[in-house]
């Protein structure tokens, strides 16, 4: 019996391998990360998990602040563009 291997067959195997490898990595992380986190907290002298929530809120606020360019940066770019136009007009 001849079986022709199709592109779909290959993609199915690749997808299955990808999912299996991700599952293995997640299982390993679930075992190792709690131990690593406890050690990091000990080394950094973090006594409470509440600090992580504070850090998360601070990071969220910081990232939200990056959504828009600072007005001073916008003005600098406009200034440079105006200088380019002036130079081209001369």
C-alpha atoms as a PDB file:
ATOM      1  CA  UNK A   1       0.000   0.000   0.000  1.00  0.00           C
ATOM      2  CA  UNK A   2       1.445   3.338  -1.048  1.00  0.00           C
ATOM      3  CA  UNK A   3       0.902   6.289   1.182  1.00  0.00           C
ATOM      4  CA  UNK A   4       1.730   9.698  -0.144  1.00  0.00           C
ATOM      5  CA  UNK A   5       2.886  12.159   2.495  1.00  0.00           C
ATOM      6  CA  UNK A   6       1.139  15.448   1.944  1.00  0.00           C
ATOM      7  CA  UNK A   7       2.029  18.927   3.073  1.00  0.00           C
ATOM      8  CA  UNK A   8      -0.917  18.676   5.463  1.00  0.00           C
ATOM      9  CA  UNK A   9       0.607  15.532   7.016  1.00  0.00           C
ATOM     10  CA  UNK A  10       3.908  17.310   7.564  1.00  0.00           C
ATOM     11  CA  UNK A  11       2.202  20.378   9.050  1.00  0.00           C
ATOM     12  CA  UNK A  12       0.176  18.159  11.377  1.00  0.00           C
ATOM     13  CA  UNK A  13       3.324  16.464  12.684  1.00  0.00           C
ATOM     14  CA  UNK A  14       5.122  19.801  13.105  1.00  0.00           C
ATOM     15  CA  UNK A  15       2.126  21.233  14.972  1.00  0.00           C
ATOM     16  CA  UNK A  16       1.915  18.185  17.232  1.00  0.00           C
ATOM     17  CA  UNK A  17       5.633  18.419  18.042  1.00  0.00           C
ATOM     18  CA  UNK A  18       5.292  22.140  18.746  1.00  0.00           C
ATOM     19  CA  UNK A  19       2.371  21.579  21.118  1.00  0.00           C
ATOM     20  CA  UNK A  20       4.081  18.667  22.860  1.00  0.00           C
ATOM     21  CA  UNK A  21       7.289  20.649  23.386  1.00  0.00           C
ATOM     22  CA  UNK A  22       5.290  23.579  24.773  1.00  0.00           C
ATOM     23  CA  UNK A  23       3.475  21.217  27.128  1.00  0.00           C
ATOM     24  CA  UNK A  24       6.799  19.764  28.347  1.00  0.00           C
ATOM     25  CA  UNK A  25       8.211  23.255  28.916  1.00  0.00           C
ATOM     26  CA  UNK A  26       5.077  24.329  30.826  1.00  0.00           C
ATOM     27  CA  UNK A  27       5.219  21.198  33.002  1.00  0.00           C
ATOM     28  CA  UNK A  28       8.886  21.864  33.798  1.00  0.00           C
ATOM     29  CA  UNK A  29       8.141  25.512  34.597  1.00  0.00           C
ATOM     30  CA  UNK A  30       5.342  24.535  36.954  1.00  0.00           C
ATOM     31  CA  UNK A  31       7.827  22.400  38.886  1.00  0.00           C
ATOM     32  CA  UNK A  32      10.828  24.743  38.869  1.00  0.00           C
ATOM     33  CA  UNK A  33       9.424  28.262  39.028  1.00  0.00           C
ATOM     34  CA  UNK A  34       7.986  28.093  42.560  1.00  0.00           C
ATOM     35  CA  UNK A  35      11.380  26.962  43.871  1.00  0.00           C
ATOM     36  CA  UNK A  36      13.214  29.653  41.880  1.00  0.00           C
ATOM     37  CA  UNK A  37      10.750  32.315  43.023  1.00  0.00           C
ATOM     38  CA  UNK A  38      11.219  31.389  46.689  1.00  0.00           C
ATOM     39  CA  UNK A  39      15.002  31.587  46.255  1.00  0.00           C
ATOM     40  CA  UNK A  40      14.817  34.946  44.449  1.00  0.00           C
ATOM     41  CA  UNK A  41      12.553  36.351  47.164  1.00  0.00           C
ATOM     42  CA  UNK A  42      15.017  35.171  49.816  1.00  0.00           C
ATOM     43  CA  UNK A  43      18.027  36.673  48.034  1.00  0.00           C
ATOM     44  CA  UNK A  44      16.224  39.964  47.347  1.00  0.00           C
ATOM     45  CA  UNK A  45      14.791  40.042  50.870  1.00  0.00           C
ATOM     46  CA  UNK A  46      11.194  40.198  49.674  1.00  0.00           C
ATOM     47  CA  UNK A  47       9.023  39.146  52.583  1.00  0.00           C
ATOM     48  CA  UNK A  48       5.578  39.622  51.058  1.00  0.00           C
ATOM     49  CA  UNK A  49       3.962  38.756  47.746  1.00  0.00           C
ATOM     50  CA  UNK A  50       2.108  42.092  47.856  1.00  0.00           C
ATOM     51  CA  UNK A  51       5.130  43.804  46.307  1.00  0.00           C
ATOM     52  CA  UNK A  52       4.517  41.905  43.072  1.00  0.00           C
ATOM     53  CA  UNK A  53       1.063  43.434  42.758  1.00  0.00           C
ATOM     54  CA  UNK A  54       2.522  46.897  43.401  1.00  0.00           C
ATOM     55  CA  UNK A  55       5.184  46.295  40.730  1.00  0.00           C
ATOM     56  CA  UNK A  56       2.545  45.076  38.278  1.00  0.00           C
ATOM     57  CA  UNK A  57       0.516  48.266  38.733  1.00  0.00           C
ATOM     58  CA  UNK A  58       3.636  50.421  38.385  1.00  0.00           C
ATOM     59  CA  UNK A  59       4.667  48.633  35.200  1.00  0.00           C
ATOM     60  CA  UNK A  60       1.165  48.952  33.769  1.00  0.00           C
ATOM     61  CA  UNK A  61       1.169  52.701  34.448  1.00  0.00           C
ATOM     62  CA  UNK A  62       4.622  53.028  32.896  1.00  0.00           C
ATOM     63  CA  UNK A  63       3.580  51.149  29.746  1.00  0.00           C
ATOM     64  CA  UNK A  64       0.406  53.202  29.437  1.00  0.00           C
ATOM     65  CA  UNK A  65       2.593  56.289  29.555  1.00  0.00           C
ATOM     66  CA  UNK A  66       4.451  54.990  26.510  1.00  0.00           C
ATOM     67  CA  UNK A  67       1.280  54.770  24.405  1.00  0.00           C
ATOM     68  CA  UNK A  68       1.683  58.384  23.304  1.00  0.00           C
ATOM     69  CA  UNK A  69       4.856  60.196  22.417  1.00  0.00           C
ATOM     70  CA  UNK A  70       5.823  62.968  24.808  1.00  0.00           C
ATOM     71  CA  UNK A  71       4.782  66.391  23.424  1.00  0.00           C
ATOM     72  CA  UNK A  72       8.407  67.566  23.535  1.00  0.00           C
ATOM     73  CA  UNK A  73       9.424  64.711  21.209  1.00  0.00           C
ATOM     74  CA  UNK A  74       6.621  65.562  18.799  1.00  0.00           C
ATOM     75  CA  UNK A  75       7.741  69.211  18.722  1.00  0.00           C
ATOM     76  CA  UNK A  76      11.365  68.211  18.091  1.00  0.00           C
ATOM     77  CA  UNK A  77      10.355  66.062  15.125  1.00  0.00           C
ATOM     78  CA  UNK A  78       8.151  68.837  13.734  1.00  0.00           C
ATOM     79  CA  UNK A  79      11.039  71.274  14.119  1.00  0.00           C
ATOM     80  CA  UNK A  80      13.424  68.982  12.235  1.00  0.00           C
ATOM     81  CA  UNK A  81      10.873  68.413   9.472  1.00  0.00           C
ATOM     82  CA  UNK A  82      10.399  72.173   9.140  1.00  0.00           C
ATOM     83  CA  UNK A  83      14.170  72.649   8.909  1.00  0.00           C
ATOM     84  CA  UNK A  84      14.354  70.013   6.147  1.00  0.00           C
ATOM     85  CA  UNK A  85      11.591  71.768   4.210  1.00  0.00           C
ATOM     86  CA  UNK A  86      13.359  75.112   4.642  1.00  0.00           C
ATOM     87  CA  UNK A  87      16.643  73.661   3.405  1.00  0.00           C
ATOM     88  CA  UNK A  88      14.896  72.073   0.403  1.00  0.00           C
ATOM     89  CA  UNK A  89      13.214  75.397  -0.441  1.00  0.00           C
ATOM     90  CA  UNK A  90      16.521  77.333  -0.473  1.00  0.00           C
END
